[in-house]
Amino acid sequence: MAKPTDQELDISVAAMLRFGVILSALVVLAGGLLFLWHPWSAIPDYSHFRAGDSSLRTISGIVRGSVRLSPRSIIQLGLILLMPRLSRGSRFVWSALPGSEAACMC
């Protein structure tokens, strides 16, 4: 197999990042639409701080909530889907730069 050129590499990295960002945006949009469609809770009282659901702080809780079609969990899942795309793409770009072996912690 021939080594890909820089332009082919750029195109494939851009396509992977674009796919991840679009997927994340669609998941967040679906969660946002569900959130607007199901006004389950009362108007929040902002005079006292209350932390959010503890289920939104773990990946397993987010996945369980997403399976139950909880709008907040679906939005959180979309944001979690976005994070690896950004870090993987930047790590890949940094590792491709000349002389970046010491700077990249891949």
C-alpha atoms as a PDB file:
ATOM      1  CA  MET A   1       0.000   0.000   0.000  1.00  0.00           C
ATOM      2  CA  ALA A   2       1.363   3.383  -1.013  1.00  0.00           C
ATOM      3  CA  LYS A   3       1.980   6.056   1.578  1.00  0.00           C
ATOM      4  CA  PRO A   4      -0.759   8.734   1.408  1.00  0.00           C
ATOM      5  CA  THR A   5       0.214  12.214   0.294  1.00  0.00           C
ATOM      6  CA  ASP A   6      -0.181  15.217   2.555  1.00  0.00           C
ATOM      7  CA  GLN A   7      -3.252  16.351   0.654  1.00  0.00           C
ATOM      8  CA  GLU A   8      -4.910  12.923   0.942  1.00  0.00           C
ATOM      9  CA  LEU A   9      -4.099  12.878   4.641  1.00  0.00           C
ATOM     10  CA  ASP A  10      -5.580  16.350   5.111  1.00  0.00           C
ATOM     11  CA  ILE A  11      -8.742  15.342   3.282  1.00  0.00           C
ATOM     12  CA  SER A  12      -9.201  12.165   5.334  1.00  0.00           C
ATOM     13  CA  VAL A  13      -8.613  13.983   8.660  1.00  0.00           C
ATOM     14  CA  ALA A  14     -11.053  16.721   7.630  1.00  0.00           C
ATOM     15  CA  ALA A  15     -13.667  14.128   6.667  1.00  0.00           C
ATOM     16  CA  MET A  16     -13.320  12.285   9.995  1.00  0.00           C
ATOM     17  CA  LEU A  17     -13.587  15.507  11.982  1.00  0.00           C
ATOM     18  CA  ARG A  18     -16.527  16.741   9.914  1.00  0.00           C
ATOM     19  CA  PHE A  19     -18.382  13.446  10.405  1.00  0.00           C
ATOM     20  CA  GLY A  20     -17.841  13.558  14.171  1.00  0.00           C
ATOM     21  CA  VAL A  21     -18.942  17.170  14.511  1.00  0.00           C
ATOM     22  CA  ILE A  22     -22.043  16.638  12.365  1.00  0.00           C
ATOM     23  CA  LEU A  23     -22.975  13.494  14.305  1.00  0.00           C
ATOM     24  CA  SER A  24     -22.539  15.333  17.592  1.00  0.00           C
ATOM     25  CA  ALA A  25     -24.583  18.296  16.361  1.00  0.00           C
ATOM     26  CA  LEU A  26     -27.420  16.012  15.240  1.00  0.00           C
ATOM     27  CA  VAL A  27     -27.508  14.244  18.607  1.00  0.00           C
ATOM     28  CA  VAL A  28     -27.528  17.572  20.490  1.00  0.00           C
ATOM     29  CA  LEU A  29     -30.242  18.888  18.153  1.00  0.00           C
ATOM     30  CA  ALA A  30     -32.381  15.793  18.748  1.00  0.00           C
ATOM     31  CA  GLY A  31     -31.953  16.208  22.503  1.00  0.00           C
ATOM     32  CA  GLY A  32     -32.791  19.895  22.272  1.00  0.00           C
ATOM     33  CA  LEU A  33     -35.949  19.214  20.295  1.00  0.00           C
ATOM     34  CA  LEU A  34     -37.009  16.579  22.830  1.00  0.00           C
ATOM     35  CA  PHE A  35     -36.262  19.050  25.620  1.00  0.00           C
ATOM     36  CA  LEU A  36     -38.494  21.686  24.033  1.00  0.00           C
ATOM     37  CA  TRP A  37     -41.205  19.172  23.175  1.00  0.00           C
ATOM     38  CA  HIS A  38     -41.423  17.666  26.684  1.00  0.00           C
ATOM     39  CA  PRO A  39     -41.568  20.483  29.235  1.00  0.00           C
ATOM     40  CA  TRP A  40     -41.570  18.038  32.164  1.00  0.00           C
ATOM     41  CA  SER A  41     -40.277  20.269  34.891  1.00  0.00           C
ATOM     42  CA  ALA A  42     -41.555  23.417  36.499  1.00  0.00           C
ATOM     43  CA  ILE A  43     -39.915  26.805  36.034  1.00  0.00           C
ATOM     44  CA  PRO A  44     -36.509  26.655  37.745  1.00  0.00           C
ATOM     45  CA  ASP A  45     -35.865  28.670  40.883  1.00  0.00           C
ATOM     46  CA  TYR A  46     -32.577  30.471  40.261  1.00  0.00           C
ATOM     47  CA  SER A  47     -32.420  32.103  43.689  1.00  0.00           C
ATOM     48  CA  HIS A  48     -30.772  28.944  45.103  1.00  0.00           C
ATOM     49  CA  PHE A  49     -28.098  26.884  43.408  1.00  0.00           C
ATOM     50  CA  ARG A  50     -28.874  23.206  42.963  1.00  0.00           C
ATOM     51  CA  ALA A  51     -26.486  20.884  41.187  1.00  0.00           C
ATOM     52  CA  GLY A  52     -27.843  18.929  38.242  1.00  0.00           C
ATOM     53  CA  ASP A  53     -28.712  15.259  38.178  1.00  0.00           C
ATOM     54  CA  SER A  54     -25.937  12.990  39.371  1.00  0.00           C
ATOM     55  CA  SER A  55     -26.794  10.675  36.457  1.00  0.00           C
ATOM     56  CA  LEU A  56     -25.419  13.314  34.065  1.00  0.00           C
ATOM     57  CA  ARG A  57     -21.961  13.097  35.662  1.00  0.00           C
ATOM     58  CA  THR A  58     -21.085   9.558  34.558  1.00  0.00           C
ATOM     59  CA  ILE A  59     -20.947   8.043  31.104  1.00  0.00           C
ATOM     60  CA  SER A  60     -23.034   5.047  32.175  1.00  0.00           C
ATOM     61  CA  GLY A  61     -25.698   7.367  33.602  1.00  0.00           C
ATOM     62  CA  ILE A  62     -25.722   9.405  30.393  1.00  0.00           C
ATOM     63  CA  VAL A  63     -26.082   6.294  28.235  1.00  0.00           C
ATOM     64  CA  ARG A  64     -28.877   4.909  30.451  1.00  0.00           C
ATOM     65  CA  GLY A  65     -30.684   8.263  30.304  1.00  0.00           C
ATOM     66  CA  SER A  66     -30.251   8.421  26.527  1.00  0.00           C
ATOM     67  CA  VAL A  67     -31.773   4.969  26.137  1.00  0.00           C
ATOM     68  CA  ARG A  68     -34.757   6.197  28.207  1.00  0.00           C
ATOM     69  CA  LEU A  69     -34.910   9.225  25.834  1.00  0.00           C
ATOM     70  CA  SER A  70     -34.121  11.748  28.546  1.00  0.00           C
ATOM     71  CA  PRO A  71     -33.509  15.041  26.696  1.00  0.00           C
ATOM     72  CA  ARG A  72     -30.741  16.225  29.042  1.00  0.00           C
ATOM     73  CA  SER A  73     -28.928  12.904  28.731  1.00  0.00           C
ATOM     74  CA  ILE A  74     -29.153  13.003  24.939  1.00  0.00           C
ATOM     75  CA  ILE A  75     -27.722  16.526  24.860  1.00  0.00           C
ATOM     76  CA  GLN A  76     -24.918  15.433  27.189  1.00  0.00           C
ATOM     77  CA  LEU A  77     -24.247  12.384  24.991  1.00  0.00           C
ATOM     78  CA  GLY A  78     -23.889  14.649  21.955  1.00  0.00           C
ATOM     79  CA  LEU A  79     -21.348  16.784  23.790  1.00  0.00           C
ATOM     80  CA  ILE A  80     -19.412  13.704  24.850  1.00  0.00           C
ATOM     81  CA  LEU A  81     -19.383  12.493  21.234  1.00  0.00           C
ATOM     82  CA  LEU A  82     -17.781  15.791  20.241  1.00  0.00           C
ATOM     83  CA  MET A  83     -14.863  15.656  22.680  1.00  0.00           C
ATOM     84  CA  PRO A  84     -12.935  12.635  21.313  1.00  0.00           C
ATOM     85  CA  ARG A  85     -13.182  14.000  17.780  1.00  0.00           C
ATOM     86  CA  LEU A  86     -11.485  17.215  18.764  1.00  0.00           C
ATOM     87  CA  SER A  87      -8.745  15.598  20.809  1.00  0.00           C
ATOM     88  CA  ARG A  88      -8.074  12.820  18.292  1.00  0.00           C
ATOM     89  CA  GLY A  89      -7.877  15.265  15.408  1.00  0.00           C
ATOM     90  CA  SER A  90      -5.565  17.669  17.196  1.00  0.00           C
ATOM     91  CA  ARG A  91      -3.376  14.807  18.430  1.00  0.00           C
ATOM     92  CA  PHE A  92      -3.190  13.469  14.877  1.00  0.00           C
ATOM     93  CA  VAL A  93      -2.291  16.878  13.463  1.00  0.00           C
ATOM     94  CA  TRP A  94       0.361  17.520  16.129  1.00  0.00           C
ATOM     95  CA  SER A  95       1.937  14.116  15.533  1.00  0.00           C
ATOM     96  CA  ALA A  96       2.138  14.790  11.779  1.00  0.00           C
ATOM     97  CA  LEU A  97       4.176  17.975  12.226  1.00  0.00           C
ATOM     98  CA  PRO A  98       7.935  17.680  11.661  1.00  0.00           C
ATOM     99  CA  GLY A  99       9.930  17.474  14.880  1.00  0.00           C
ATOM    100  CA  SER A 100       6.842  16.994  17.009  1.00  0.00           C
ATOM    101  CA  GLU A 101       7.819  13.652  18.541  1.00  0.00           C
ATOM    102  CA  ALA A 102       8.799  15.300  21.825  1.00  0.00           C
ATOM    103  CA  ALA A 103       5.790  17.628  21.956  1.00  0.00           C
ATOM    104  CA  CYS A 104       3.149  15.008  21.129  1.00  0.00           C
ATOM    105  CA  MET A 105       1.940  12.855  24.004  1.00  0.00           C
ATOM    106  CA  CYS A 106       0.219  10.286  21.766  1.00  0.00           C
END
